[in-house]
Amino acid sequence: MTLNDLQRELKVLRKRVDQNEDKLEQTAEKLEDLSDVVAEDRVKNIYTFADQSERQDFQSNLSKSHCVLITGE
């Protein structure tokens, strides 16, 4: 191989490395965005679960208070 051939091959390899680095950066950004979305969904799910539990507790307490009013116990 001549020096020119080696330089051309080196140039091609550098271009491939640069392309792979760009793809890695894009993938890292996508993963970060996905991680943020998952974290936000998790928080929403926790709030929804807490709200449902609170509503169930309220309904339970309300029905118990009706029983006490009816039976007197």
PDB file of N, CA and C in Angstrom:
ATOM      1  N   MET A   1       0.836  -1.175   0.000  1.00  0.00           N
ATOM      2  CA  MET A   1       0.000   0.000   0.000  1.00  0.00           C
ATOM      3  C   MET A   1       0.884   1.242   0.000  1.00  0.00           C
ATOM      4  N   THR A   2       0.419   2.197  -0.714  1.00  0.00           N
ATOM      5  CA  THR A   2       1.173   3.447  -0.777  1.00  0.00           C
ATOM      6  C   THR A   2       0.700   4.380   0.327  1.00  0.00           C
ATOM      7  N   LEU A   3       1.403   5.442   0.494  1.00  0.00           N
ATOM      8  CA  LEU A   3       1.064   6.437   1.504  1.00  0.00           C
ATOM      9  C   LEU A   3      -0.299   7.069   1.201  1.00  0.00           C
ATOM     10  N   ASN A   4      -0.570   7.314  -0.058  1.00  0.00           N
ATOM     11  CA  ASN A   4      -1.859   7.887  -0.450  1.00  0.00           C
ATOM     12  C   ASN A   4      -3.017   6.947  -0.102  1.00  0.00           C
ATOM     13  N   ASP A   5      -2.830   5.659  -0.336  1.00  0.00           N
ATOM     14  CA  ASP A   5      -3.853   4.680   0.001  1.00  0.00           C
ATOM     15  C   ASP A   5      -4.120   4.665   1.507  1.00  0.00           C
ATOM     16  N   LEU A   6      -3.048   4.702   2.258  1.00  0.00           N
ATOM     17  CA  LEU A   6      -3.183   4.712   3.712  1.00  0.00           C
ATOM     18  C   LEU A   6      -3.890   5.976   4.200  1.00  0.00           C
ATOM     19  N   GLN A   7      -3.580   7.101   3.594  1.00  0.00           N
ATOM     20  CA  GLN A   7      -4.223   8.361   3.985  1.00  0.00           C
ATOM     21  C   GLN A   7      -5.715   8.337   3.642  1.00  0.00           C
ATOM     22  N   ARG A   8      -6.045   7.791   2.484  1.00  0.00           N
ATOM     23  CA  ARG A   8      -7.452   7.671   2.103  1.00  0.00           C
ATOM     24  C   ARG A   8      -8.206   6.758   3.071  1.00  0.00           C
ATOM     25  N   GLU A   9      -7.590   5.636   3.377  1.00  0.00           N
ATOM     26  CA  GLU A   9      -8.221   4.698   4.312  1.00  0.00           C
ATOM     27  C   GLU A   9      -8.384   5.333   5.692  1.00  0.00           C
ATOM     28  N   LEU A  10      -7.385   6.061   6.126  1.00  0.00           N
ATOM     29  CA  LEU A  10      -7.459   6.757   7.404  1.00  0.00           C
ATOM     30  C   LEU A  10      -8.588   7.787   7.407  1.00  0.00           C
ATOM     31  N   LYS A  11      -8.734   8.487   6.300  1.00  0.00           N
ATOM     32  CA  LYS A  11      -9.795   9.486   6.175  1.00  0.00           C
ATOM     33  C   LYS A  11     -11.174   8.827   6.256  1.00  0.00           C
ATOM     34  N   VAL A  12     -11.317   7.685   5.580  1.00  0.00           N
ATOM     35  CA  VAL A  12     -12.584   6.950   5.618  1.00  0.00           C
ATOM     36  C   VAL A  12     -12.877   6.468   7.035  1.00  0.00           C
ATOM     37  N   LEU A  13     -11.867   5.958   7.699  1.00  0.00           N
ATOM     38  CA  LEU A  13     -12.055   5.469   9.064  1.00  0.00           C
ATOM     39  C   LEU A  13     -12.421   6.606  10.021  1.00  0.00           C
ATOM     40  N   ARG A  14     -11.795   7.743   9.870  1.00  0.00           N
ATOM     41  CA  ARG A  14     -12.122   8.906  10.718  1.00  0.00           C
ATOM     42  C   ARG A  14     -13.568   9.349  10.489  1.00  0.00           C
ATOM     43  N   LYS A  15     -13.987   9.308   9.240  1.00  0.00           N
ATOM     44  CA  LYS A  15     -15.361   9.693   8.920  1.00  0.00           C
ATOM     45  C   LYS A  15     -16.346   8.737   9.596  1.00  0.00           C
ATOM     46  N   ARG A  16     -16.044   7.449   9.542  1.00  0.00           N
ATOM     47  CA  ARG A  16     -16.904   6.455  10.193  1.00  0.00           C
ATOM     48  C   ARG A  16     -16.951   6.665  11.703  1.00  0.00           C
ATOM     49  N   VAL A  17     -15.804   6.942  12.295  1.00  0.00           N
ATOM     50  CA  VAL A  17     -15.744   7.187  13.732  1.00  0.00           C
ATOM     51  C   VAL A  17     -16.577   8.412  14.095  1.00  0.00           C
ATOM     52  N   ASP A  18     -16.463   9.463  13.309  1.00  0.00           N
ATOM     53  CA  ASP A  18     -17.252  10.678  13.555  1.00  0.00           C
ATOM     54  C   ASP A  18     -18.749  10.393  13.450  1.00  0.00           C
ATOM     55  N   GLN A  19     -19.136   9.599  12.452  1.00  0.00           N
ATOM     56  CA  GLN A  19     -20.545   9.252  12.295  1.00  0.00           C
ATOM     57  C   GLN A  19     -21.038   8.447  13.492  1.00  0.00           C
ATOM     58  N   ASN A  20     -20.229   7.511  13.963  1.00  0.00           N
ATOM     59  CA  ASN A  20     -20.614   6.699  15.117  1.00  0.00           C
ATOM     60  C   ASN A  20     -20.719   7.555  16.380  1.00  0.00           C
ATOM     61  N   GLU A  21     -19.817   8.514  16.522  1.00  0.00           N
ATOM     62  CA  GLU A  21     -19.886   9.405  17.674  1.00  0.00           C
ATOM     63  C   GLU A  21     -21.169  10.227  17.645  1.00  0.00           C
ATOM     64  N   ASP A  22     -21.548  10.686  16.456  1.00  0.00           N
ATOM     65  CA  ASP A  22     -22.796  11.441  16.322  1.00  0.00           C
ATOM     66  C   ASP A  22     -23.995  10.568  16.700  1.00  0.00           C
ATOM     67  N   LYS A  23     -23.976   9.322  16.240  1.00  0.00           N
ATOM     68  CA  LYS A  23     -25.067   8.408  16.560  1.00  0.00           C
ATOM     69  C   LYS A  23     -25.122   8.139  18.063  1.00  0.00           C
ATOM     70  N   LEU A  24     -23.964   7.990  18.684  1.00  0.00           N
ATOM     71  CA  LEU A  24     -23.925   7.765  20.129  1.00  0.00           C
ATOM     72  C   LEU A  24     -24.483   8.962  20.889  1.00  0.00           C
ATOM     73  N   GLU A  25     -24.135  10.152  20.458  1.00  0.00           N
ATOM     74  CA  GLU A  25     -24.657  11.359  21.094  1.00  0.00           C
ATOM     75  C   GLU A  25     -26.172  11.438  20.951  1.00  0.00           C
ATOM     76  N   GLN A  26     -26.669  11.134  19.757  1.00  0.00           N
ATOM     77  CA  GLN A  26     -28.119  11.162  19.531  1.00  0.00           C
ATOM     78  C   GLN A  26     -28.820  10.122  20.402  1.00  0.00           C
ATOM     79  N   THR A  27     -28.224   8.949  20.488  1.00  0.00           N
ATOM     80  CA  THR A  27     -28.807   7.894  21.307  1.00  0.00           C
ATOM     81  C   THR A  27     -28.805   8.293  22.780  1.00  0.00           C
ATOM     82  N   ALA A  28     -27.729   8.889  23.236  1.00  0.00           N
ATOM     83  CA  ALA A  28     -27.655   9.338  24.628  1.00  0.00           C
ATOM     84  C   ALA A  28     -28.721  10.394  24.914  1.00  0.00           C
ATOM     85  N   GLU A  29     -28.934  11.298  23.989  1.00  0.00           N
ATOM     86  CA  GLU A  29     -29.972  12.319  24.160  1.00  0.00           C
ATOM     87  C   GLU A  29     -31.357  11.680  24.212  1.00  0.00           C
ATOM     88  N   LYS A  30     -31.598  10.718  23.335  1.00  0.00           N
ATOM     89  CA  LYS A  30     -32.894  10.036  23.329  1.00  0.00           C
ATOM     90  C   LYS A  30     -33.113   9.284  24.636  1.00  0.00           C
ATOM     91  N   LEU A  31     -32.065   8.616  25.129  1.00  0.00           N
ATOM     92  CA  LEU A  31     -32.186   7.893  26.393  1.00  0.00           C
ATOM     93  C   LEU A  31     -32.453   8.845  27.558  1.00  0.00           C
ATOM     94  N   GLU A  32     -31.817   9.981  27.534  1.00  0.00           N
ATOM     95  CA  GLU A  32     -32.041  10.974  28.587  1.00  0.00           C
ATOM     96  C   GLU A  32     -33.480  11.479  28.545  1.00  0.00           C
ATOM     97  N   ASP A  33     -33.982  11.770  27.341  1.00  0.00           N
ATOM     98  CA  ASP A  33     -35.368  12.210  27.200  1.00  0.00           C
ATOM     99  C   ASP A  33     -36.337  11.128  27.672  1.00  0.00           C
ATOM    100  N   LEU A  34     -36.049   9.887  27.301  1.00  0.00           N
ATOM    101  CA  LEU A  34     -36.895   8.774  27.706  1.00  0.00           C
ATOM    102  C   LEU A  34     -36.875   8.612  29.226  1.00  0.00           C
ATOM    103  N   SER A  35     -35.719   8.763  29.809  1.00  0.00           N
ATOM    104  CA  SER A  35     -35.593   8.677  31.261  1.00  0.00           C
ATOM    105  C   SER A  35     -36.424   9.758  31.947  1.00  0.00           C
ATOM    106  N   ASP A  36     -36.415  10.960  31.398  1.00  0.00           N
ATOM    107  CA  ASP A  36     -37.222  12.051  31.953  1.00  0.00           C
ATOM    108  C   ASP A  36     -38.717  11.730  31.859  1.00  0.00           C
ATOM    109  N   VAL A  37     -39.130  11.188  30.722  1.00  0.00           N
ATOM    110  CA  VAL A  37     -40.540  10.837  30.535  1.00  0.00           C
ATOM    111  C   VAL A  37     -40.956   9.758  31.530  1.00  0.00           C
ATOM    112  N   VAL A  38     -40.113   8.756  31.719  1.00  0.00           N
ATOM    113  CA  VAL A  38     -40.417   7.678  32.664  1.00  0.00           C
ATOM    114  C   VAL A  38     -40.522   8.233  34.078  1.00  0.00           C
ATOM    115  N   ALA A  39     -39.617   9.128  34.450  1.00  0.00           N
ATOM    116  CA  ALA A  39     -39.655   9.728  35.786  1.00  0.00           C
ATOM    117  C   ALA A  39     -40.936  10.543  35.981  1.00  0.00           C
ATOM    118  N   GLU A  40     -41.324  11.310  34.973  1.00  0.00           N
ATOM    119  CA  GLU A  40     -42.561  12.099  35.062  1.00  0.00           C
ATOM    120  C   GLU A  40     -43.782  11.188  35.180  1.00  0.00           C
ATOM    121  N   ASP A  41     -43.808  10.117  34.399  1.00  0.00           N
ATOM    122  CA  ASP A  41     -44.920   9.169  34.476  1.00  0.00           C
ATOM    123  C   ASP A  41     -44.990   8.508  35.848  1.00  0.00           C
ATOM    124  N   ARG A  42     -43.843   8.206  36.398  1.00  0.00           N
ATOM    125  CA  ARG A  42     -43.794   7.582  37.726  1.00  0.00           C
ATOM    126  C   ARG A  42     -44.398   8.511  38.768  1.00  0.00           C
ATOM    127  N   VAL A  43     -44.026   9.788  38.701  1.00  0.00           N
ATOM    128  CA  VAL A  43     -44.580  10.766  39.642  1.00  0.00           C
ATOM    129  C   VAL A  43     -46.093  10.870  39.467  1.00  0.00           C
ATOM    130  N   LYS A  44     -46.554  10.916  38.216  1.00  0.00           N
ATOM    131  CA  LYS A  44     -47.996  10.980  37.967  1.00  0.00           C
ATOM    132  C   LYS A  44     -48.704   9.754  38.521  1.00  0.00           C
ATOM    133  N   ASN A  45     -48.106   8.584  38.342  1.00  0.00           N
ATOM    134  CA  ASN A  45     -48.708   7.353  38.853  1.00  0.00           C
ATOM    135  C   ASN A  45     -48.785   7.366  40.377  1.00  0.00           C
ATOM    136  N   ILE A  46     -47.751   7.872  41.022  1.00  0.00           N
ATOM    137  CA  ILE A  46     -47.752   7.944  42.485  1.00  0.00           C
ATOM    138  C   ILE A  46     -48.854   8.887  42.953  1.00  0.00           C
ATOM    139  N   TYR A  47     -48.974  10.045  42.316  1.00  0.00           N
ATOM    140  CA  TYR A  47     -50.028  10.988  42.690  1.00  0.00           C
ATOM    141  C   TYR A  47     -51.416  10.392  42.451  1.00  0.00           C
ATOM    142  N   THR A  48     -51.583   9.700  41.346  1.00  0.00           N
ATOM    143  CA  THR A  48     -52.873   9.083  41.041  1.00  0.00           C
ATOM    144  C   THR A  48     -53.208   8.015  42.073  1.00  0.00           C
ATOM    145  N   PHE A  49     -52.242   7.182  42.419  1.00  0.00           N
ATOM    146  CA  PHE A  49     -52.460   6.139  43.418  1.00  0.00           C
ATOM    147  C   PHE A  49     -52.811   6.754  44.770  1.00  0.00           C
ATOM    148  N   ALA A  50     -52.083   7.790  45.163  1.00  0.00           N
ATOM    149  CA  ALA A  50     -52.354   8.446  46.442  1.00  0.00           C
ATOM    150  C   ALA A  50     -53.746   9.070  46.448  1.00  0.00           C
ATOM    151  N   ASP A  51     -54.127   9.679  45.336  1.00  0.00           N
ATOM    152  CA  ASP A  51     -55.447  10.297  45.237  1.00  0.00           C
ATOM    153  C   ASP A  51     -56.543   9.243  45.344  1.00  0.00           C
ATOM    154  N   GLN A  52     -56.368   8.122  44.650  1.00  0.00           N
ATOM    155  CA  GLN A  52     -57.367   7.050  44.705  1.00  0.00           C
ATOM    156  C   GLN A  52     -57.471   6.475  46.118  1.00  0.00           C
ATOM    157  N   SER A  53     -56.334   6.303  46.770  1.00  0.00           N
ATOM    158  CA  SER A  53     -56.339   5.775  48.133  1.00  0.00           C
ATOM    159  C   SER A  53     -57.051   6.734  49.078  1.00  0.00           C
ATOM    160  N   GLU A  54     -56.783   8.016  48.901  1.00  0.00           N
ATOM    161  CA  GLU A  54     -57.434   9.019  49.741  1.00  0.00           C
ATOM    162  C   GLU A  54     -58.947   9.019  49.520  1.00  0.00           C
ATOM    163  N   ARG A  55     -59.357   8.908  48.263  1.00  0.00           N
ATOM    164  CA  ARG A  55     -60.796   8.862  47.967  1.00  0.00           C
ATOM    165  C   ARG A  55     -61.443   7.620  48.580  1.00  0.00           C
ATOM    166  N   GLN A  56     -60.747   6.477  48.499  1.00  0.00           N
ATOM    167  CA  GLN A  56     -61.293   5.243  49.071  1.00  0.00           C
ATOM    168  C   GLN A  56     -61.404   5.372  50.590  1.00  0.00           C
ATOM    169  N   ASP A  57     -60.391   5.974  51.218  1.00  0.00           N
ATOM    170  CA  ASP A  57     -60.442   6.182  52.660  1.00  0.00           C
ATOM    171  C   ASP A  57     -61.609   7.087  53.025  1.00  0.00           C
ATOM    172  N   PHE A  58     -61.813   8.134  52.250  1.00  0.00           N
ATOM    173  CA  PHE A  58     -62.912   9.058  52.520  1.00  0.00           C
ATOM    174  C   PHE A  58     -64.246   8.338  52.399  1.00  0.00           C
ATOM    175  N   GLN A  59     -64.396   7.560  51.321  1.00  0.00           N
ATOM    176  CA  GLN A  59     -65.647   6.825  51.126  1.00  0.00           C
ATOM    177  C   GLN A  59     -65.866   5.809  52.243  1.00  0.00           C
ATOM    178  N   SER A  60     -64.812   5.158  52.661  1.00  0.00           N
ATOM    179  CA  SER A  60     -64.907   4.182  53.745  1.00  0.00           C
ATOM    180  C   SER A  60     -65.331   4.872  55.040  1.00  0.00           C
ATOM    181  N   ASN A  61     -64.697   5.986  55.342  1.00  0.00           N
ATOM    182  CA  ASN A  61     -65.051   6.727  56.554  1.00  0.00           C
ATOM    183  C   ASN A  61     -66.480   7.251  56.479  1.00  0.00           C
ATOM    184  N   LEU A  62     -66.881   7.688  55.291  1.00  0.00           N
ATOM    185  CA  LEU A  62     -68.241   8.190  55.110  1.00  0.00           C
ATOM    186  C   LEU A  62     -69.263   7.087  55.342  1.00  0.00           C
ATOM    187  N   SER A  63     -69.014   5.898  54.798  1.00  0.00           N
ATOM    188  CA  SER A  63     -69.955   4.791  54.991  1.00  0.00           C
ATOM    189  C   SER A  63     -69.970   4.339  56.448  1.00  0.00           C
ATOM    190  N   LYS A  64     -68.829   4.381  57.115  1.00  0.00           N
ATOM    191  CA  LYS A  64     -68.790   4.026  58.540  1.00  0.00           C
ATOM    192  C   LYS A  64     -69.593   5.027  59.358  1.00  0.00           C
ATOM    193  N   SER A  65     -69.488   6.288  59.005  1.00  0.00           N
ATOM    194  CA  SER A  65     -70.229   7.295  59.773  1.00  0.00           C
ATOM    195  C   SER A  65     -71.735   7.112  59.569  1.00  0.00           C
ATOM    196  N   HIS A  66     -72.172   6.693  58.399  1.00  0.00           N
ATOM    197  CA  HIS A  66     -73.590   6.430  58.169  1.00  0.00           C
ATOM    198  C   HIS A  66     -74.057   5.252  59.014  1.00  0.00           C
ATOM    199  N   CYS A  67     -73.202   4.230  59.128  1.00  0.00           N
ATOM    200  CA  CYS A  67     -73.545   3.064  59.948  1.00  0.00           C
ATOM    201  C   CYS A  67     -73.695   3.474  61.403  1.00  0.00           C
ATOM    202  N   VAL A  68     -72.802   4.320  61.872  1.00  0.00           N
ATOM    203  CA  VAL A  68     -72.870   4.766  63.260  1.00  0.00           C
ATOM    204  C   VAL A  68     -74.141   5.558  63.486  1.00  0.00           C
ATOM    205  N   LEU A  69     -74.499   6.394  62.523  1.00  0.00           N
ATOM    206  CA  LEU A  69     -75.717   7.177  62.667  1.00  0.00           C
ATOM    207  C   LEU A  69     -76.962   6.301  62.687  1.00  0.00           C
ATOM    208  N   ILE A  70     -76.938   5.247  61.881  1.00  0.00           N
ATOM    209  CA  ILE A  70     -78.113   4.371  61.780  1.00  0.00           C
ATOM    210  C   ILE A  70     -78.215   3.471  63.015  1.00  0.00           C
ATOM    211  N   THR A  71     -77.098   2.844  63.387  1.00  0.00           N
ATOM    212  CA  THR A  71     -77.139   1.847  64.480  1.00  0.00           C
ATOM    213  C   THR A  71     -76.932   2.494  65.848  1.00  0.00           C
ATOM    214  N   GLY A  72     -76.275   3.644  65.870  1.00  0.00           N
ATOM    215  CA  GLY A  72     -75.982   4.279  67.144  1.00  0.00           C
ATOM    216  C   GLY A  72     -74.772   3.675  67.828  1.00  0.00           C
ATOM    217  N   GLU A  73     -74.027   2.820  67.150  1.00  0.00           N
ATOM    218  CA  GLU A  73     -72.819   2.204  67.750  1.00  0.00           C
ATOM    219  C   GLU A  73     -71.589   2.641  67.011  1.00  0.00           C
TER     220      GLU A  73
END
